[in-house]
Amino acid sequence: MRALDINVAGEFVVMAATLMLIKSRMLLPVDERTDAADDDAEPIDPRLDLVRQLVEYKRYKDAANTFAQREVLRAATYPKGAAPDQLPPEVDAAAKKLGDIGTAELMDAFKRVLERAKETVSFGHLKMMRWSVPDKINTILGRITAHPHVRFDTLFPEDAPKGEVIVTFVALLELLRLRHLTVTQTENFGDLYIDAIPEGTPDAHLPLPAFDELDTF
């Protein structure tokens, strides 16, 4: 019992017993394979019950294969999305939240910004880092406060070096994690926009970490 799976062993014993019963009935004379209550009945083939079970099993197996194929097709299908009149009234039809657009769009937008950033090369010595995550957090919050609904790429100046772009993006991720900001998209494959989460929203505006914690980024 410790070494064997009792369920599998039980199924094996049942199948072995069924085959033995069929074999024993096959050894009986044909005239003794009828139902004792009905003398005029046709001889019963003891294999019929097993055949019926196998046919039923095949039906379920075929149905399972059909569902598996549909699951593969469904996984490769990308729906266009609901029309504005199909959206719930409490949801802004012109915007989708970050959870709906996924982090892939956010990373794609960051890659595009990073590709246009300047590469800073220094030989002979290392320059001191000129940007910090706390400073960029304050900059982003001030920008959102002054101009709500800011386009994502405008947070990164076109002439900004890659180091500044990366630090700014880390600061943005921190504000998204703490639910001070949210990312929206007005149309499929459109620009991403940064908006402030209103004060009083449940589970939003979590406290910012201490300065020394942020400085470790």
C-alpha atoms as a PDB file:
ATOM      1  CA  MET A   1       0.000   0.000   0.000  1.00  0.00           C
ATOM      2  CA  ARG A   2       2.921   2.343   0.663  1.00  0.00           C
ATOM      3  CA  ALA A   3       4.636   1.510  -2.626  1.00  0.00           C
ATOM      4  CA  LEU A   4       1.618   1.345  -4.971  1.00  0.00           C
ATOM      5  CA  ASP A   5      -1.050   3.776  -6.025  1.00  0.00           C
ATOM      6  CA  ILE A   6      -4.177   2.094  -4.677  1.00  0.00           C
ATOM      7  CA  ASN A   7      -6.426   3.763  -7.256  1.00  0.00           C
ATOM      8  CA  VAL A   8      -4.341   2.555 -10.194  1.00  0.00           C
ATOM      9  CA  ALA A   9      -3.964  -0.903  -8.673  1.00  0.00           C
ATOM     10  CA  GLY A  10      -7.717  -1.097  -8.088  1.00  0.00           C
ATOM     11  CA  GLU A  11      -8.460  -0.175 -11.707  1.00  0.00           C
ATOM     12  CA  PHE A  12      -6.002  -2.845 -12.866  1.00  0.00           C
ATOM     13  CA  VAL A  13      -7.648  -5.495 -10.678  1.00  0.00           C
ATOM     14  CA  VAL A  14     -11.116  -4.533 -11.963  1.00  0.00           C
ATOM     15  CA  MET A  15      -9.967  -4.771 -15.585  1.00  0.00           C
ATOM     16  CA  ALA A  16      -8.227  -8.115 -14.979  1.00  0.00           C
ATOM     17  CA  ALA A  17     -11.335  -9.477 -13.264  1.00  0.00           C
ATOM     18  CA  THR A  18     -13.527  -8.242 -16.139  1.00  0.00           C
ATOM     19  CA  LEU A  19     -11.318  -9.972 -18.738  1.00  0.00           C
ATOM     20  CA  MET A  20     -11.329 -13.173 -16.680  1.00  0.00           C
ATOM     21  CA  LEU A  21     -15.131 -13.051 -16.454  1.00  0.00           C
ATOM     22  CA  ILE A  22     -15.411 -12.548 -20.221  1.00  0.00           C
ATOM     23  CA  LYS A  23     -12.991 -15.436 -20.838  1.00  0.00           C
ATOM     24  CA  SER A  24     -14.915 -17.746 -18.524  1.00  0.00           C
ATOM     25  CA  ARG A  25     -18.211 -16.910 -20.213  1.00  0.00           C
ATOM     26  CA  MET A  26     -16.672 -17.475 -23.630  1.00  0.00           C
ATOM     27  CA  LEU A  27     -15.826 -21.014 -22.496  1.00  0.00           C
ATOM     28  CA  LEU A  28     -19.488 -21.737 -21.776  1.00  0.00           C
ATOM     29  CA  PRO A  29     -21.571 -23.451 -24.432  1.00  0.00           C
ATOM     30  CA  VAL A  30     -23.486 -20.991 -26.617  1.00  0.00           C
ATOM     31  CA  ASP A  31     -26.888 -22.150 -25.396  1.00  0.00           C
ATOM     32  CA  GLU A  32     -25.897 -21.292 -21.795  1.00  0.00           C
ATOM     33  CA  ARG A  33     -25.019 -17.660 -22.579  1.00  0.00           C
ATOM     34  CA  THR A  34     -28.685 -16.530 -22.635  1.00  0.00           C
ATOM     35  CA  ASP A  35     -30.615 -14.811 -19.897  1.00  0.00           C
ATOM     36  CA  ALA A  36     -32.057 -17.431 -17.576  1.00  0.00           C
ATOM     37  CA  ALA A  37     -35.339 -15.482 -17.304  1.00  0.00           C
ATOM     38  CA  ASP A  38     -35.907 -15.475 -21.064  1.00  0.00           C
ATOM     39  CA  ASP A  39     -35.547 -18.798 -22.841  1.00  0.00           C
ATOM     40  CA  ASP A  40     -36.163 -17.237 -26.284  1.00  0.00           C
ATOM     41  CA  ALA A  41     -33.428 -14.607 -25.935  1.00  0.00           C
ATOM     42  CA  GLU A  42     -30.491 -14.478 -28.296  1.00  0.00           C
ATOM     43  CA  PRO A  43     -27.175 -15.785 -26.951  1.00  0.00           C
ATOM     44  CA  ILE A  44     -25.349 -12.988 -25.092  1.00  0.00           C
ATOM     45  CA  ASP A  45     -21.843 -12.137 -26.177  1.00  0.00           C
ATOM     46  CA  PRO A  46     -19.943 -11.487 -22.902  1.00  0.00           C
ATOM     47  CA  ARG A  47     -17.672  -9.048 -24.727  1.00  0.00           C
ATOM     48  CA  LEU A  48     -20.473  -6.555 -25.436  1.00  0.00           C
ATOM     49  CA  ASP A  49     -20.244  -4.772 -22.090  1.00  0.00           C
ATOM     50  CA  LEU A  50     -16.508  -4.191 -22.536  1.00  0.00           C
ATOM     51  CA  VAL A  51     -17.040  -3.041 -26.126  1.00  0.00           C
ATOM     52  CA  ARG A  52     -19.678  -0.538 -24.988  1.00  0.00           C
ATOM     53  CA  GLN A  53     -17.282   0.824 -22.369  1.00  0.00           C
ATOM     54  CA  LEU A  54     -14.494   1.134 -24.933  1.00  0.00           C
ATOM     55  CA  VAL A  55     -16.808   2.937 -27.370  1.00  0.00           C
ATOM     56  CA  GLU A  56     -17.883   5.344 -24.620  1.00  0.00           C
ATOM     57  CA  TYR A  57     -14.258   5.902 -23.651  1.00  0.00           C
ATOM     58  CA  LYS A  58     -13.365   6.687 -27.262  1.00  0.00           C
ATOM     59  CA  ARG A  59     -16.199   9.236 -27.454  1.00  0.00           C
ATOM     60  CA  TYR A  60     -14.888  11.086 -24.407  1.00  0.00           C
ATOM     61  CA  LYS A  61     -11.298  10.880 -25.667  1.00  0.00           C
ATOM     62  CA  ASP A  62     -12.288  12.322 -29.052  1.00  0.00           C
ATOM     63  CA  ALA A  63     -14.218  15.106 -27.316  1.00  0.00           C
ATOM     64  CA  ALA A  64     -11.171  15.873 -25.137  1.00  0.00           C
ATOM     65  CA  ASN A  65      -8.951  16.071 -28.231  1.00  0.00           C
ATOM     66  CA  THR A  66     -11.441  18.434 -29.884  1.00  0.00           C
ATOM     67  CA  PHE A  67     -11.439  20.707 -26.838  1.00  0.00           C
ATOM     68  CA  ALA A  68      -7.615  20.610 -26.746  1.00  0.00           C
ATOM     69  CA  GLN A  69      -7.440  21.714 -30.393  1.00  0.00           C
ATOM     70  CA  ARG A  70      -9.888  24.536 -29.730  1.00  0.00           C
ATOM     71  CA  GLU A  71      -7.810  25.622 -26.735  1.00  0.00           C
ATOM     72  CA  VAL A  72      -4.721  25.878 -28.962  1.00  0.00           C
ATOM     73  CA  LEU A  73      -6.651  27.915 -31.534  1.00  0.00           C
ATOM     74  CA  ARG A  74      -8.081  30.146 -28.819  1.00  0.00           C
ATOM     75  CA  ALA A  75      -4.624  30.763 -27.362  1.00  0.00           C
ATOM     76  CA  ALA A  76      -3.445  31.990 -30.762  1.00  0.00           C
ATOM     77  CA  THR A  77      -6.443  34.313 -31.200  1.00  0.00           C
ATOM     78  CA  TYR A  78      -6.205  37.985 -30.291  1.00  0.00           C
ATOM     79  CA  PRO A  79      -9.632  39.626 -30.020  1.00  0.00           C
ATOM     80  CA  LYS A  80     -10.017  43.142 -31.328  1.00  0.00           C
ATOM     81  CA  GLY A  81     -11.758  44.290 -28.154  1.00  0.00           C
ATOM     82  CA  ALA A  82     -15.197  45.447 -27.166  1.00  0.00           C
ATOM     83  CA  ALA A  83     -16.875  48.318 -28.920  1.00  0.00           C
ATOM     84  CA  PRO A  84     -17.429  51.462 -26.816  1.00  0.00           C
ATOM     85  CA  ASP A  85     -21.147  50.719 -26.470  1.00  0.00           C
ATOM     86  CA  GLN A  86     -20.321  47.270 -25.037  1.00  0.00           C
ATOM     87  CA  LEU A  87     -18.184  48.625 -22.203  1.00  0.00           C
ATOM     88  CA  PRO A  88     -19.666  48.997 -18.712  1.00  0.00           C
ATOM     89  CA  PRO A  89     -20.928  52.544 -18.069  1.00  0.00           C
ATOM     90  CA  GLU A  90     -18.481  53.068 -15.230  1.00  0.00           C
ATOM     91  CA  VAL A  91     -15.504  52.389 -17.526  1.00  0.00           C
ATOM     92  CA  ASP A  92     -14.200  55.169 -19.731  1.00  0.00           C
ATOM     93  CA  ALA A  93     -14.565  53.865 -23.285  1.00  0.00           C
ATOM     94  CA  ALA A  94     -11.606  55.980 -24.413  1.00  0.00           C
ATOM     95  CA  ALA A  95      -9.118  54.487 -21.961  1.00  0.00           C
ATOM     96  CA  LYS A  96      -7.867  51.090 -20.869  1.00  0.00           C
ATOM     97  CA  LYS A  97      -6.014  50.526 -17.631  1.00  0.00           C
ATOM     98  CA  LEU A  98      -2.559  49.034 -17.350  1.00  0.00           C
ATOM     99  CA  GLY A  99      -3.917  45.632 -16.405  1.00  0.00           C
ATOM    100  CA  ASP A 100      -5.827  45.507 -19.679  1.00  0.00           C
ATOM    101  CA  ILE A 101      -3.023  46.617 -21.979  1.00  0.00           C
ATOM    102  CA  GLY A 102      -0.400  44.522 -20.172  1.00  0.00           C
ATOM    103  CA  THR A 103       3.178  45.365 -19.296  1.00  0.00           C
ATOM    104  CA  ALA A 104       4.343  44.443 -22.813  1.00  0.00           C
ATOM    105  CA  GLU A 105       3.074  47.749 -24.203  1.00  0.00           C
ATOM    106  CA  LEU A 106       4.831  49.631 -21.394  1.00  0.00           C
ATOM    107  CA  MET A 107       8.122  47.868 -22.094  1.00  0.00           C
ATOM    108  CA  ASP A 108       7.787  48.447 -25.846  1.00  0.00           C
ATOM    109  CA  ALA A 109       7.250  52.162 -25.247  1.00  0.00           C
ATOM    110  CA  PHE A 110      10.305  52.263 -22.963  1.00  0.00           C
ATOM    111  CA  LYS A 111      12.448  50.496 -25.581  1.00  0.00           C
ATOM    112  CA  ARG A 112      11.487  53.086 -28.191  1.00  0.00           C
ATOM    113  CA  VAL A 113      12.438  55.897 -25.822  1.00  0.00           C
ATOM    114  CA  LEU A 114      15.700  54.176 -24.912  1.00  0.00           C
ATOM    115  CA  GLU A 115      16.657  53.690 -28.564  1.00  0.00           C
ATOM    116  CA  ARG A 116      16.512  57.428 -29.248  1.00  0.00           C
ATOM    117  CA  ALA A 117      18.501  58.306 -26.104  1.00  0.00           C
ATOM    118  CA  LYS A 118      22.105  59.393 -26.421  1.00  0.00           C
ATOM    119  CA  GLU A 119      24.901  57.009 -25.541  1.00  0.00           C
ATOM    120  CA  THR A 120      27.294  58.568 -23.024  1.00  0.00           C
ATOM    121  CA  VAL A 121      30.810  57.205 -23.331  1.00  0.00           C
ATOM    122  CA  SER A 122      33.573  58.056 -20.902  1.00  0.00           C
ATOM    123  CA  PHE A 123      37.171  56.859 -21.061  1.00  0.00           C
ATOM    124  CA  GLY A 124      39.786  56.998 -18.369  1.00  0.00           C
ATOM    125  CA  HIS A 125      37.496  57.725 -15.415  1.00  0.00           C
ATOM    126  CA  LEU A 126      33.949  57.189 -14.170  1.00  0.00           C
ATOM    127  CA  LYS A 127      31.611  60.140 -13.874  1.00  0.00           C
ATOM    128  CA  MET A 128      29.466  60.574 -10.799  1.00  0.00           C
ATOM    129  CA  MET A 129      25.824  59.725 -11.327  1.00  0.00           C
ATOM    130  CA  ARG A 130      23.875  62.937 -11.897  1.00  0.00           C
ATOM    131  CA  TRP A 131      20.344  61.568 -11.505  1.00  0.00           C
ATOM    132  CA  SER A 132      18.577  59.832  -8.640  1.00  0.00           C
ATOM    133  CA  VAL A 133      15.276  58.014  -8.395  1.00  0.00           C
ATOM    134  CA  PRO A 134      13.920  60.324  -5.638  1.00  0.00           C
ATOM    135  CA  ASP A 135      14.604  63.388  -7.758  1.00  0.00           C
ATOM    136  CA  LYS A 136      12.901  61.829 -10.771  1.00  0.00           C
ATOM    137  CA  ILE A 137       9.901  60.817  -8.641  1.00  0.00           C
ATOM    138  CA  ASN A 138       9.463  64.432  -7.564  1.00  0.00           C
ATOM    139  CA  THR A 139       9.881  65.574 -11.157  1.00  0.00           C
ATOM    140  CA  ILE A 140       7.252  63.157 -12.470  1.00  0.00           C
ATOM    141  CA  LEU A 141       4.763  64.000  -9.710  1.00  0.00           C
ATOM    142  CA  GLY A 142       5.230  67.702 -10.356  1.00  0.00           C
ATOM    143  CA  ARG A 143       4.728  67.189 -14.077  1.00  0.00           C
ATOM    144  CA  ILE A 144       1.536  65.162 -13.584  1.00  0.00           C
ATOM    145  CA  THR A 145       0.183  67.710 -11.115  1.00  0.00           C
ATOM    146  CA  ALA A 146       0.768  70.578 -13.528  1.00  0.00           C
ATOM    147  CA  HIS A 147      -0.323  68.762 -16.697  1.00  0.00           C
ATOM    148  CA  PRO A 148      -2.634  65.767 -16.186  1.00  0.00           C
ATOM    149  CA  HIS A 149      -2.785  63.084 -18.856  1.00  0.00           C
ATOM    150  CA  VAL A 150       0.864  63.262 -19.880  1.00  0.00           C
ATOM    151  CA  ARG A 151       2.030  61.263 -22.877  1.00  0.00           C
ATOM    152  CA  PHE A 152       4.531  58.594 -21.849  1.00  0.00           C
ATOM    153  CA  ASP A 153       7.387  59.561 -24.169  1.00  0.00           C
ATOM    154  CA  THR A 154       7.257  63.223 -23.135  1.00  0.00           C
ATOM    155  CA  LEU A 155       8.549  62.240 -19.687  1.00  0.00           C
ATOM    156  CA  PHE A 156      11.892  61.549 -21.370  1.00  0.00           C
ATOM    157  CA  PRO A 157      13.558  64.517 -23.128  1.00  0.00           C
ATOM    158  CA  GLU A 158      14.770  63.693 -26.627  1.00  0.00           C
ATOM    159  CA  ASP A 159      18.322  64.768 -25.791  1.00  0.00           C
ATOM    160  CA  ALA A 160      18.408  62.838 -22.495  1.00  0.00           C
ATOM    161  CA  PRO A 161      21.243  60.300 -22.126  1.00  0.00           C
ATOM    162  CA  LYS A 162      20.412  56.645 -21.533  1.00  0.00           C
ATOM    163  CA  GLY A 163      21.366  56.844 -17.871  1.00  0.00           C
ATOM    164  CA  GLU A 164      18.756  59.524 -17.227  1.00  0.00           C
ATOM    165  CA  VAL A 165      16.135  57.626 -19.248  1.00  0.00           C
ATOM    166  CA  ILE A 166      16.681  54.464 -17.202  1.00  0.00           C
ATOM    167  CA  VAL A 167      16.516  56.294 -13.864  1.00  0.00           C
ATOM    168  CA  THR A 168      13.339  58.093 -14.956  1.00  0.00           C
ATOM    169  CA  PHE A 169      11.738  54.811 -15.973  1.00  0.00           C
ATOM    170  CA  VAL A 170      12.643  53.206 -12.629  1.00  0.00           C
ATOM    171  CA  ALA A 171      11.046  56.160 -10.841  1.00  0.00           C
ATOM    172  CA  LEU A 172       7.912  55.759 -12.972  1.00  0.00           C
ATOM    173  CA  LEU A 173       7.713  52.037 -12.164  1.00  0.00           C
ATOM    174  CA  GLU A 174       8.005  52.858  -8.461  1.00  0.00           C
ATOM    175  CA  LEU A 175       5.103  55.319  -8.690  1.00  0.00           C
ATOM    176  CA  LEU A 176       3.028  52.740 -10.583  1.00  0.00           C
ATOM    177  CA  ARG A 177       3.832  50.094  -7.981  1.00  0.00           C
ATOM    178  CA  LEU A 178       2.766  52.384  -5.156  1.00  0.00           C
ATOM    179  CA  ARG A 179      -0.371  53.310  -7.136  1.00  0.00           C
ATOM    180  CA  HIS A 180       0.262  57.026  -7.354  1.00  0.00           C
ATOM    181  CA  LEU A 181      -0.078  56.880 -11.141  1.00  0.00           C
ATOM    182  CA  THR A 182      -1.778  54.760 -13.757  1.00  0.00           C
ATOM    183  CA  VAL A 183      -1.128  54.069 -17.436  1.00  0.00           C
ATOM    184  CA  THR A 184      -3.919  54.403 -20.001  1.00  0.00           C
ATOM    185  CA  GLN A 185      -4.236  53.936 -23.741  1.00  0.00           C
ATOM    186  CA  THR A 186      -6.835  55.759 -25.803  1.00  0.00           C
ATOM    187  CA  GLU A 187      -6.836  53.364 -28.773  1.00  0.00           C
ATOM    188  CA  ASN A 188      -5.382  50.058 -29.878  1.00  0.00           C
ATOM    189  CA  PHE A 189      -1.650  50.409 -30.614  1.00  0.00           C
ATOM    190  CA  GLY A 190      -1.907  54.072 -29.647  1.00  0.00           C
ATOM    191  CA  ASP A 191       0.261  56.203 -27.377  1.00  0.00           C
ATOM    192  CA  LEU A 192       0.434  55.504 -23.651  1.00  0.00           C
ATOM    193  CA  TYR A 193      -0.568  58.233 -21.213  1.00  0.00           C
ATOM    194  CA  ILE A 194       0.282  58.735 -17.556  1.00  0.00           C
ATOM    195  CA  ASP A 195      -2.491  59.892 -15.200  1.00  0.00           C
ATOM    196  CA  ALA A 196      -2.622  60.521 -11.473  1.00  0.00           C
ATOM    197  CA  ILE A 197      -4.833  58.252  -9.403  1.00  0.00           C
ATOM    198  CA  PRO A 198      -7.393  60.415  -7.567  1.00  0.00           C
ATOM    199  CA  GLU A 199      -6.929  60.964  -3.860  1.00  0.00           C
ATOM    200  CA  GLY A 200      -9.083  58.716  -1.708  1.00  0.00           C
ATOM    201  CA  THR A 201      -8.946  55.763  -4.127  1.00  0.00           C
ATOM    202  CA  PRO A 202      -8.778  52.501  -2.107  1.00  0.00           C
ATOM    203  CA  ASP A 203      -5.329  50.859  -1.997  1.00  0.00           C
ATOM    204  CA  ALA A 204      -3.777  53.854  -3.738  1.00  0.00           C
ATOM    205  CA  HIS A 205      -1.133  56.447  -2.856  1.00  0.00           C
ATOM    206  CA  LEU A 206       0.946  54.098  -0.732  1.00  0.00           C
ATOM    207  CA  PRO A 207       3.773  55.804   1.193  1.00  0.00           C
ATOM    208  CA  LEU A 208       6.967  56.382  -0.730  1.00  0.00           C
ATOM    209  CA  PRO A 209      10.011  54.506   0.620  1.00  0.00           C
ATOM    210  CA  ALA A 210      12.676  56.362   2.543  1.00  0.00           C
ATOM    211  CA  PHE A 211      15.327  58.216   0.578  1.00  0.00           C
ATOM    212  CA  ASP A 212      18.088  55.712   1.351  1.00  0.00           C
ATOM    213  CA  GLU A 213      15.926  52.832   0.098  1.00  0.00           C
ATOM    214  CA  LEU A 214      15.253  54.562  -3.198  1.00  0.00           C
ATOM    215  CA  ASP A 215      18.906  55.490  -3.557  1.00  0.00           C
ATOM    216  CA  THR A 216      19.822  51.807  -3.878  1.00  0.00           C
ATOM    217  CA  PHE A 217      18.274  51.554  -7.363  1.00  0.00           C
END
